[in-house]
Amino acid sequence: MVDRNGRHTRAGSEVRVYAPGKRTVLGGRLVDTGGGYCSQGVTPAHFGLPMDGKVDVEVTSMTKTGRKITRVANVDPNKLPKRVLVVKV
């Protein structure tokens, strides 16, 4: 997850992948900052997805004003550049 300026600053965000147009959860992840002593890194959320079809992606993150939910509908994982979806919150 990145902010409006493209900086990776949304550690702690919750990412959920749904069946398109439904609330059927296909997977969920928590965005981590990395691990280990005195280390930090940008850790993307990885999902195993169906080979065909689309999904809806929902990101819940904390902002200065509270929780914000960003939803991206009808994502076709096979048509994403390098199979990576960047969600700006």
PDB file of N, CA and C in Angstrom:
ATOM      1  N   MET A   1       0.837  -1.164   0.000  1.00  0.00           N
ATOM      2  CA  MET A   1       0.000   0.000   0.000  1.00  0.00           C
ATOM      3  C   MET A   1       0.885   1.231   0.000  1.00  0.00           C
ATOM      4  N   VAL A   2       0.469   2.199  -0.740  1.00  0.00           N
ATOM      5  CA  VAL A   2       1.229   3.441  -0.810  1.00  0.00           C
ATOM      6  C   VAL A   2       0.285   4.611  -0.568  1.00  0.00           C
ATOM      7  N   ASP A   3       0.865   5.738  -0.144  1.00  0.00           N
ATOM      8  CA  ASP A   3       0.047   6.929   0.027  1.00  0.00           C
ATOM      9  C   ASP A   3      -0.087   7.644  -1.318  1.00  0.00           C
ATOM     10  N   ARG A   4      -0.692   8.803  -1.333  1.00  0.00           N
ATOM     11  CA  ARG A   4      -0.935   9.527  -2.576  1.00  0.00           C
ATOM     12  C   ARG A   4       0.341   9.880  -3.328  1.00  0.00           C
ATOM     13  N   ASN A   5       1.455   9.991  -2.597  1.00  0.00           N
ATOM     14  CA  ASN A   5       2.732  10.361  -3.201  1.00  0.00           C
ATOM     15  C   ASN A   5       3.558   9.151  -3.614  1.00  0.00           C
ATOM     16  N   GLY A   6       3.002   7.952  -3.456  1.00  0.00           N
ATOM     17  CA  GLY A   6       3.717   6.749  -3.856  1.00  0.00           C
ATOM     18  C   GLY A   6       4.666   6.203  -2.808  1.00  0.00           C
ATOM     19  N   ARG A   7       4.627   6.764  -1.586  1.00  0.00           N
ATOM     20  CA  ARG A   7       5.500   6.266  -0.525  1.00  0.00           C
ATOM     21  C   ARG A   7       4.837   5.075   0.173  1.00  0.00           C
ATOM     22  N   HIS A   8       5.633   4.067   0.442  1.00  0.00           N
ATOM     23  CA  HIS A   8       5.144   2.873   1.128  1.00  0.00           C
ATOM     24  C   HIS A   8       5.035   3.187   2.619  1.00  0.00           C
ATOM     25  N   THR A   9       3.840   3.581   3.071  1.00  0.00           N
ATOM     26  CA  THR A   9       3.700   4.022   4.455  1.00  0.00           C
ATOM     27  C   THR A   9       2.485   3.409   5.148  1.00  0.00           C
ATOM     28  N   ARG A  10       1.906   2.399   4.616  1.00  0.00           N
ATOM     29  CA  ARG A  10       0.656   1.895   5.161  1.00  0.00           C
ATOM     30  C   ARG A  10       0.790   0.552   5.871  1.00  0.00           C
ATOM     31  N   ALA A  11       1.853   0.379   6.632  1.00  0.00           N
ATOM     32  CA  ALA A  11       1.985  -0.840   7.430  1.00  0.00           C
ATOM     33  C   ALA A  11       0.807  -0.927   8.392  1.00  0.00           C
ATOM     34  N   GLY A  12       0.303  -2.114   8.606  1.00  0.00           N
ATOM     35  CA  GLY A  12      -0.851  -2.319   9.467  1.00  0.00           C
ATOM     36  C   GLY A  12      -2.167  -2.318   8.710  1.00  0.00           C
ATOM     37  N   SER A  13      -2.136  -2.008   7.430  1.00  0.00           N
ATOM     38  CA  SER A  13      -3.360  -2.040   6.621  1.00  0.00           C
ATOM     39  C   SER A  13      -3.834  -3.478   6.460  1.00  0.00           C
ATOM     40  N   GLU A  14      -5.131  -3.637   6.368  1.00  0.00           N
ATOM     41  CA  GLU A  14      -5.732  -4.945   6.126  1.00  0.00           C
ATOM     42  C   GLU A  14      -6.142  -5.024   4.661  1.00  0.00           C
ATOM     43  N   VAL A  15      -5.760  -6.103   3.992  1.00  0.00           N
ATOM     44  CA  VAL A  15      -6.102  -6.295   2.586  1.00  0.00           C
ATOM     45  C   VAL A  15      -6.980  -7.536   2.483  1.00  0.00           C
ATOM     46  N   ARG A  16      -8.119  -7.406   1.838  1.00  0.00           N
ATOM     47  CA  ARG A  16      -9.017  -8.544   1.624  1.00  0.00           C
ATOM     48  C   ARG A  16      -9.340  -8.659   0.140  1.00  0.00           C
ATOM     49  N   VAL A  17      -9.408  -9.891  -0.329  1.00  0.00           N
ATOM     50  CA  VAL A  17      -9.772 -10.172  -1.714  1.00  0.00           C
ATOM     51  C   VAL A  17     -11.098 -10.917  -1.690  1.00  0.00           C
ATOM     52  N   TYR A  18     -12.067 -10.436  -2.472  1.00  0.00           N
ATOM     53  CA  TYR A  18     -13.413 -10.993  -2.508  1.00  0.00           C
ATOM     54  C   TYR A  18     -13.742 -11.537  -3.899  1.00  0.00           C
ATOM     55  N   ALA A  19     -14.684 -12.452  -3.937  1.00  0.00           N
ATOM     56  CA  ALA A  19     -15.278 -12.853  -5.209  1.00  0.00           C
ATOM     57  C   ALA A  19     -15.952 -11.612  -5.787  1.00  0.00           C
ATOM     58  N   PRO A  20     -15.901 -11.400  -7.092  1.00  0.00           N
ATOM     59  CA  PRO A  20     -16.423 -10.162  -7.670  1.00  0.00           C
ATOM     60  C   PRO A  20     -17.913  -9.970  -7.407  1.00  0.00           C
ATOM     61  N   GLY A  21     -18.236  -8.765  -6.899  1.00  0.00           N
ATOM     62  CA  GLY A  21     -19.627  -8.411  -6.659  1.00  0.00           C
ATOM     63  C   GLY A  21     -20.248  -9.097  -5.463  1.00  0.00           C
ATOM     64  N   LYS A  22     -19.456  -9.824  -4.692  1.00  0.00           N
ATOM     65  CA  LYS A  22     -19.975 -10.544  -3.519  1.00  0.00           C
ATOM     66  C   LYS A  22     -19.119 -10.220  -2.310  1.00  0.00           C
ATOM     67  N   ARG A  23     -19.555 -10.658  -1.150  1.00  0.00           N
ATOM     68  CA  ARG A  23     -18.773 -10.492   0.072  1.00  0.00           C
ATOM     69  C   ARG A  23     -18.123 -11.810   0.480  1.00  0.00           C
ATOM     70  N   THR A  24     -17.906 -12.697  -0.484  1.00  0.00           N
ATOM     71  CA  THR A  24     -17.250 -13.972  -0.227  1.00  0.00           C
ATOM     72  C   THR A  24     -15.742 -13.742  -0.210  1.00  0.00           C
ATOM     73  N   VAL A  25     -15.126 -13.911   0.958  1.00  0.00           N
ATOM     74  CA  VAL A  25     -13.703 -13.650   1.111  1.00  0.00           C
ATOM     75  C   VAL A  25     -12.889 -14.787   0.499  1.00  0.00           C
ATOM     76  N   LEU A  26     -11.966 -14.430  -0.389  1.00  0.00           N
ATOM     77  CA  LEU A  26     -11.047 -15.401  -0.980  1.00  0.00           C
ATOM     78  C   LEU A  26      -9.711 -15.420  -0.244  1.00  0.00           C
ATOM     79  N   GLY A  27      -9.382 -14.318   0.422  1.00  0.00           N
ATOM     80  CA  GLY A  27      -8.127 -14.245   1.162  1.00  0.00           C
ATOM     81  C   GLY A  27      -7.999 -12.926   1.882  1.00  0.00           C
ATOM     82  N   GLY A  28      -7.139 -12.894   2.867  1.00  0.00           N
ATOM     83  CA  GLY A  28      -6.897 -11.679   3.626  1.00  0.00           C
ATOM     84  C   GLY A  28      -5.469 -11.650   4.136  1.00  0.00           C
ATOM     85  N   ARG A  29      -4.901 -10.463   4.233  1.00  0.00           N
ATOM     86  CA  ARG A  29      -3.536 -10.299   4.717  1.00  0.00           C
ATOM     87  C   ARG A  29      -3.434  -8.997   5.503  1.00  0.00           C
ATOM     88  N   LEU A  30      -2.457  -8.960   6.387  1.00  0.00           N
ATOM     89  CA  LEU A  30      -2.096  -7.749   7.108  1.00  0.00           C
ATOM     90  C   LEU A  30      -0.760  -7.279   6.551  1.00  0.00           C
ATOM     91  N   VAL A  31      -0.674  -6.000   6.170  1.00  0.00           N
ATOM     92  CA  VAL A  31       0.564  -5.474   5.607  1.00  0.00           C
ATOM     93  C   VAL A  31       1.561  -5.307   6.742  1.00  0.00           C
ATOM     94  N   ASP A  32       2.709  -5.962   6.603  1.00  0.00           N
ATOM     95  CA  ASP A  32       3.749  -5.991   7.620  1.00  0.00           C
ATOM     96  C   ASP A  32       4.841  -4.990   7.263  1.00  0.00           C
ATOM     97  N   THR A  33       5.660  -4.610   8.240  1.00  0.00           N
ATOM     98  CA  THR A  33       6.777  -3.711   7.979  1.00  0.00           C
ATOM     99  C   THR A  33       8.068  -4.475   7.746  1.00  0.00           C
ATOM    100  N   GLY A  34       8.013  -5.762   7.801  1.00  0.00           N
ATOM    101  CA  GLY A  34       9.216  -6.577   7.712  1.00  0.00           C
ATOM    102  C   GLY A  34       9.461  -7.206   9.069  1.00  0.00           C
ATOM    103  N   GLY A  35      10.533  -7.894   9.225  1.00  0.00           N
ATOM    104  CA  GLY A  35      10.772  -8.530  10.507  1.00  0.00           C
ATOM    105  C   GLY A  35      12.234  -8.554  10.846  1.00  0.00           C
ATOM    106  N   GLY A  36      12.499  -8.861  12.089  1.00  0.00           N
ATOM    107  CA  GLY A  36      13.874  -8.964  12.543  1.00  0.00           C
ATOM    108  C   GLY A  36      14.270  -7.787  13.393  1.00  0.00           C
ATOM    109  N   TYR A  37      15.380  -7.936  14.048  1.00  0.00           N
ATOM    110  CA  TYR A  37      15.893  -6.910  14.935  1.00  0.00           C
ATOM    111  C   TYR A  37      16.433  -5.727  14.138  1.00  0.00           C
ATOM    112  N   CYS A  38      15.979  -4.536  14.456  1.00  0.00           N
ATOM    113  CA  CYS A  38      16.438  -3.292  13.812  1.00  0.00           C
ATOM    114  C   CYS A  38      16.303  -3.333  12.293  1.00  0.00           C
ATOM    115  N   SER A  39      15.256  -3.947  11.803  1.00  0.00           N
ATOM    116  CA  SER A  39      15.070  -3.972  10.356  1.00  0.00           C
ATOM    117  C   SER A  39      13.659  -3.565  10.005  1.00  0.00           C
ATOM    118  N   GLN A  40      13.509  -3.037   8.828  1.00  0.00           N
ATOM    119  CA  GLN A  40      12.215  -2.643   8.322  1.00  0.00           C
ATOM    120  C   GLN A  40      12.277  -2.736   6.816  1.00  0.00           C
ATOM    121  N   GLY A  41      11.203  -3.156   6.212  1.00  0.00           N
ATOM    122  CA  GLY A  41      11.164  -3.242   4.766  1.00  0.00           C
ATOM    123  C   GLY A  41       9.741  -3.197   4.273  1.00  0.00           C
ATOM    124  N   VAL A  42       9.593  -2.963   3.010  1.00  0.00           N
ATOM    125  CA  VAL A  42       8.272  -2.945   2.403  1.00  0.00           C
ATOM    126  C   VAL A  42       7.925  -4.378   2.044  1.00  0.00           C
ATOM    127  N   THR A  43       6.901  -4.890   2.671  1.00  0.00           N
ATOM    128  CA  THR A  43       6.492  -6.264   2.428  1.00  0.00           C
ATOM    129  C   THR A  43       5.151  -6.256   1.725  1.00  0.00           C
ATOM    130  N   PRO A  44       5.096  -6.626   0.444  1.00  0.00           N
ATOM    131  CA  PRO A  44       3.807  -6.657  -0.250  1.00  0.00           C
ATOM    132  C   PRO A  44       2.939  -7.794   0.272  1.00  0.00           C
ATOM    133  N   ALA A  45       1.649  -7.662   0.087  1.00  0.00           N
ATOM    134  CA  ALA A  45       0.699  -8.724   0.452  1.00  0.00           C
ATOM    135  C   ALA A  45       0.522  -9.633  -0.755  1.00  0.00           C
ATOM    136  N   HIS A  46       0.852 -10.909  -0.601  1.00  0.00           N
ATOM    137  CA  HIS A  46       0.747 -11.882  -1.692  1.00  0.00           C
ATOM    138  C   HIS A  46      -0.505 -12.730  -1.504  1.00  0.00           C
ATOM    139  N   PHE A  47      -1.182 -13.043  -2.615  1.00  0.00           N
ATOM    140  CA  PHE A  47      -2.389 -13.873  -2.591  1.00  0.00           C
ATOM    141  C   PHE A  47      -2.322 -14.919  -3.687  1.00  0.00           C
ATOM    142  N   GLY A  48      -2.807 -16.103  -3.393  1.00  0.00           N
ATOM    143  CA  GLY A  48      -3.040 -17.096  -4.422  1.00  0.00           C
ATOM    144  C   GLY A  48      -4.450 -16.892  -4.940  1.00  0.00           C
ATOM    145  N   LEU A  49      -4.595 -16.627  -6.218  1.00  0.00           N
ATOM    146  CA  LEU A  49      -5.899 -16.288  -6.785  1.00  0.00           C
ATOM    147  C   LEU A  49      -6.288 -17.281  -7.867  1.00  0.00           C
ATOM    148  N   PRO A  50      -7.578 -17.327  -8.199  1.00  0.00           N
ATOM    149  CA  PRO A  50      -8.019 -18.197  -9.291  1.00  0.00           C
ATOM    150  C   PRO A  50      -7.348 -17.805 -10.596  1.00  0.00           C
ATOM    151  N   MET A  51      -7.092 -18.784 -11.449  1.00  0.00           N
ATOM    152  CA  MET A  51      -6.432 -18.516 -12.726  1.00  0.00           C
ATOM    153  C   MET A  51      -7.308 -17.719 -13.685  1.00  0.00           C
ATOM    154  N   ASP A  52      -8.605 -17.883 -13.579  1.00  0.00           N
ATOM    155  CA  ASP A  52      -9.496 -17.149 -14.476  1.00  0.00           C
ATOM    156  C   ASP A  52     -10.484 -16.347 -13.645  1.00  0.00           C
ATOM    157  N   GLY A  53     -10.929 -15.263 -14.180  1.00  0.00           N
ATOM    158  CA  GLY A  53     -11.922 -14.464 -13.485  1.00  0.00           C
ATOM    159  C   GLY A  53     -11.330 -13.252 -12.799  1.00  0.00           C
ATOM    160  N   LYS A  54     -12.219 -12.459 -12.273  1.00  0.00           N
ATOM    161  CA  LYS A  54     -11.853 -11.209 -11.631  1.00  0.00           C
ATOM    162  C   LYS A  54     -12.082 -11.302 -10.132  1.00  0.00           C
ATOM    163  N   VAL A  55     -11.541 -10.328  -9.398  1.00  0.00           N
ATOM    164  CA  VAL A  55     -11.719 -10.245  -7.956  1.00  0.00           C
ATOM    165  C   VAL A  55     -11.947  -8.793  -7.576  1.00  0.00           C
ATOM    166  N   ASP A  56     -12.485  -8.579  -6.385  1.00  0.00           N
ATOM    167  CA  ASP A  56     -12.582  -7.255  -5.796  1.00  0.00           C
ATOM    168  C   ASP A  56     -11.547  -7.188  -4.677  1.00  0.00           C
ATOM    169  N   VAL A  57     -10.856  -6.061  -4.562  1.00  0.00           N
ATOM    170  CA  VAL A  57      -9.831  -5.887  -3.543  1.00  0.00           C
ATOM    171  C   VAL A  57     -10.253  -4.739  -2.628  1.00  0.00           C
ATOM    172  N   GLU A  58     -10.124  -4.966  -1.323  1.00  0.00           N
ATOM    173  CA  GLU A  58     -10.503  -3.955  -0.343  1.00  0.00           C
ATOM    174  C   GLU A  58      -9.337  -3.752   0.619  1.00  0.00           C
ATOM    175  N   VAL A  59      -8.933  -2.487   0.825  1.00  0.00           N
ATOM    176  CA  VAL A  59      -7.854  -2.148   1.740  1.00  0.00           C
ATOM    177  C   VAL A  59      -8.420  -1.256   2.831  1.00  0.00           C
ATOM    178  N   THR A  60      -8.224  -1.661   4.082  1.00  0.00           N
ATOM    179  CA  THR A  60      -8.628  -0.851   5.226  1.00  0.00           C
ATOM    180  C   THR A  60      -7.358  -0.354   5.898  1.00  0.00           C
ATOM    181  N   SER A  61      -7.215   0.958   5.996  1.00  0.00           N
ATOM    182  CA  SER A  61      -6.013   1.529   6.593  1.00  0.00           C
ATOM    183  C   SER A  61      -6.395   2.664   7.535  1.00  0.00           C
ATOM    184  N   MET A  62      -5.460   3.012   8.396  1.00  0.00           N
ATOM    185  CA  MET A  62      -5.665   4.119   9.317  1.00  0.00           C
ATOM    186  C   MET A  62      -5.119   5.398   8.696  1.00  0.00           C
ATOM    187  N   THR A  63      -5.886   6.463   8.839  1.00  0.00           N
ATOM    188  CA  THR A  63      -5.451   7.780   8.393  1.00  0.00           C
ATOM    189  C   THR A  63      -5.537   8.727   9.584  1.00  0.00           C
ATOM    190  N   LYS A  64      -5.191   9.965   9.373  1.00  0.00           N
ATOM    191  CA  LYS A  64      -5.269  10.948  10.461  1.00  0.00           C
ATOM    192  C   LYS A  64      -6.697  11.122  10.964  1.00  0.00           C
ATOM    193  N   THR A  65      -7.669  10.861  10.099  1.00  0.00           N
ATOM    194  CA  THR A  65      -9.073  11.055  10.469  1.00  0.00           C
ATOM    195  C   THR A  65      -9.772   9.749  10.859  1.00  0.00           C
ATOM    196  N   GLY A  66      -9.049   8.643  10.885  1.00  0.00           N
ATOM    197  CA  GLY A  66      -9.650   7.357  11.265  1.00  0.00           C
ATOM    198  C   GLY A  66      -9.503   6.318  10.161  1.00  0.00           C
ATOM    199  N   ARG A  67     -10.295   5.252  10.281  1.00  0.00           N
ATOM    200  CA  ARG A  67     -10.220   4.150   9.310  1.00  0.00           C
ATOM    201  C   ARG A  67     -10.732   4.592   7.947  1.00  0.00           C
ATOM    202  N   LYS A  68     -10.012   4.170   6.911  1.00  0.00           N
ATOM    203  CA  LYS A  68     -10.429   4.463   5.546  1.00  0.00           C
ATOM    204  C   LYS A  68     -10.446   3.161   4.771  1.00  0.00           C
ATOM    205  N   ILE A  69     -11.528   2.928   4.041  1.00  0.00           N
ATOM    206  CA  ILE A  69     -11.657   1.731   3.224  1.00  0.00           C
ATOM    207  C   ILE A  69     -11.574   2.144   1.760  1.00  0.00           C
ATOM    208  N   THR A  70     -10.628   1.531   1.047  1.00  0.00           N
ATOM    209  CA  THR A  70     -10.458   1.762  -0.384  1.00  0.00           C
ATOM    210  C   THR A  70     -10.788   0.464  -1.090  1.00  0.00           C
ATOM    211  N   ARG A  71     -11.718   0.517  -2.032  1.00  0.00           N
ATOM    212  CA  ARG A  71     -12.166  -0.693  -2.724  1.00  0.00           C
ATOM    213  C   ARG A  71     -11.901  -0.561  -4.220  1.00  0.00           C
ATOM    214  N   VAL A  72     -11.312  -1.608  -4.795  1.00  0.00           N
ATOM    215  CA  VAL A  72     -11.068  -1.665  -6.232  1.00  0.00           C
ATOM    216  C   VAL A  72     -11.842  -2.870  -6.752  1.00  0.00           C
ATOM    217  N   ALA A  73     -12.811  -2.625  -7.622  1.00  0.00           N
ATOM    218  CA  ALA A  73     -13.692  -3.692  -8.096  1.00  0.00           C
ATOM    219  C   ALA A  73     -13.253  -4.231  -9.450  1.00  0.00           C
ATOM    220  N   ASN A  74     -13.613  -5.481  -9.691  1.00  0.00           N
ATOM    221  CA  ASN A  74     -13.395  -6.153 -10.979  1.00  0.00           C
ATOM    222  C   ASN A  74     -11.944  -6.118 -11.458  1.00  0.00           C
ATOM    223  N   VAL A  75     -11.031  -6.498 -10.587  1.00  0.00           N
ATOM    224  CA  VAL A  75      -9.617  -6.568 -10.938  1.00  0.00           C
ATOM    225  C   VAL A  75      -9.350  -7.910 -11.606  1.00  0.00           C
ATOM    226  N   ASP A  76      -8.762  -7.870 -12.783  1.00  0.00           N
ATOM    227  CA  ASP A  76      -8.363  -9.096 -13.471  1.00  0.00           C
ATOM    228  C   ASP A  76      -6.872  -9.301 -13.215  1.00  0.00           C
ATOM    229  N   PRO A  77      -6.504 -10.223 -12.319  1.00  0.00           N
ATOM    230  CA  PRO A  77      -5.095 -10.410 -11.973  1.00  0.00           C
ATOM    231  C   PRO A  77      -4.215 -10.738 -13.175  1.00  0.00           C
ATOM    232  N   ASN A  78      -4.763 -11.373 -14.191  1.00  0.00           N
ATOM    233  CA  ASN A  78      -3.979 -11.758 -15.358  1.00  0.00           C
ATOM    234  C   ASN A  78      -3.634 -10.578 -16.265  1.00  0.00           C
ATOM    235  N   LYS A  79      -4.317  -9.449 -16.074  1.00  0.00           N
ATOM    236  CA  LYS A  79      -4.067  -8.279 -16.917  1.00  0.00           C
ATOM    237  C   LYS A  79      -3.289  -7.186 -16.196  1.00  0.00           C
ATOM    238  N   LEU A  80      -2.836  -7.471 -14.967  1.00  0.00           N
ATOM    239  CA  LEU A  80      -2.052  -6.483 -14.233  1.00  0.00           C
ATOM    240  C   LEU A  80      -0.604  -6.524 -14.693  1.00  0.00           C
ATOM    241  N   PRO A  81       0.044  -5.351 -14.808  1.00  0.00           N
ATOM    242  CA  PRO A  81       1.461  -5.358 -15.177  1.00  0.00           C
ATOM    243  C   PRO A  81       2.272  -6.089 -14.113  1.00  0.00           C
ATOM    244  N   LYS A  82       3.017  -7.100 -14.510  1.00  0.00           N
ATOM    245  CA  LYS A  82       3.821  -7.930 -13.605  1.00  0.00           C
ATOM    246  C   LYS A  82       2.974  -8.545 -12.491  1.00  0.00           C
ATOM    247  N   ARG A  83       1.671  -8.620 -12.733  1.00  0.00           N
ATOM    248  CA  ARG A  83       0.712  -9.208 -11.781  1.00  0.00           C
ATOM    249  C   ARG A  83       0.766  -8.525 -10.412  1.00  0.00           C
ATOM    250  N   VAL A  84       0.962  -7.190 -10.427  1.00  0.00           N
ATOM    251  CA  VAL A  84       1.037  -6.410  -9.206  1.00  0.00           C
ATOM    252  C   VAL A  84      -0.027  -5.317  -9.254  1.00  0.00           C
ATOM    253  N   LEU A  85      -0.817  -5.218  -8.193  1.00  0.00           N
ATOM    254  CA  LEU A  85      -1.817  -4.161  -8.066  1.00  0.00           C
ATOM    255  C   LEU A  85      -1.334  -3.205  -6.984  1.00  0.00           C
ATOM    256  N   VAL A  86      -1.183  -1.933  -7.327  1.00  0.00           N
ATOM    257  CA  VAL A  86      -0.811  -0.905  -6.368  1.00  0.00           C
ATOM    258  C   VAL A  86      -2.073  -0.132  -6.027  1.00  0.00           C
ATOM    259  N   VAL A  87      -2.415  -0.090  -4.741  1.00  0.00           N
ATOM    260  CA  VAL A  87      -3.598   0.627  -4.279  1.00  0.00           C
ATOM    261  C   VAL A  87      -3.130   1.867  -3.535  1.00  0.00           C
ATOM    262  N   LYS A  88      -3.538   3.028  -4.019  1.00  0.00           N
ATOM    263  CA  LYS A  88      -3.190   4.282  -3.348  1.00  0.00           C
ATOM    264  C   LYS A  88      -4.346   4.690  -2.455  1.00  0.00           C
ATOM    265  N   VAL A  89      -4.024   4.883  -1.171  1.00  0.00           N
ATOM    266  CA  VAL A  89      -5.052   5.263  -0.191  1.00  0.00           C
ATOM    267  C   VAL A  89      -4.821   6.654   0.312  1.00  0.00           C
TER     268      VAL A  89
END
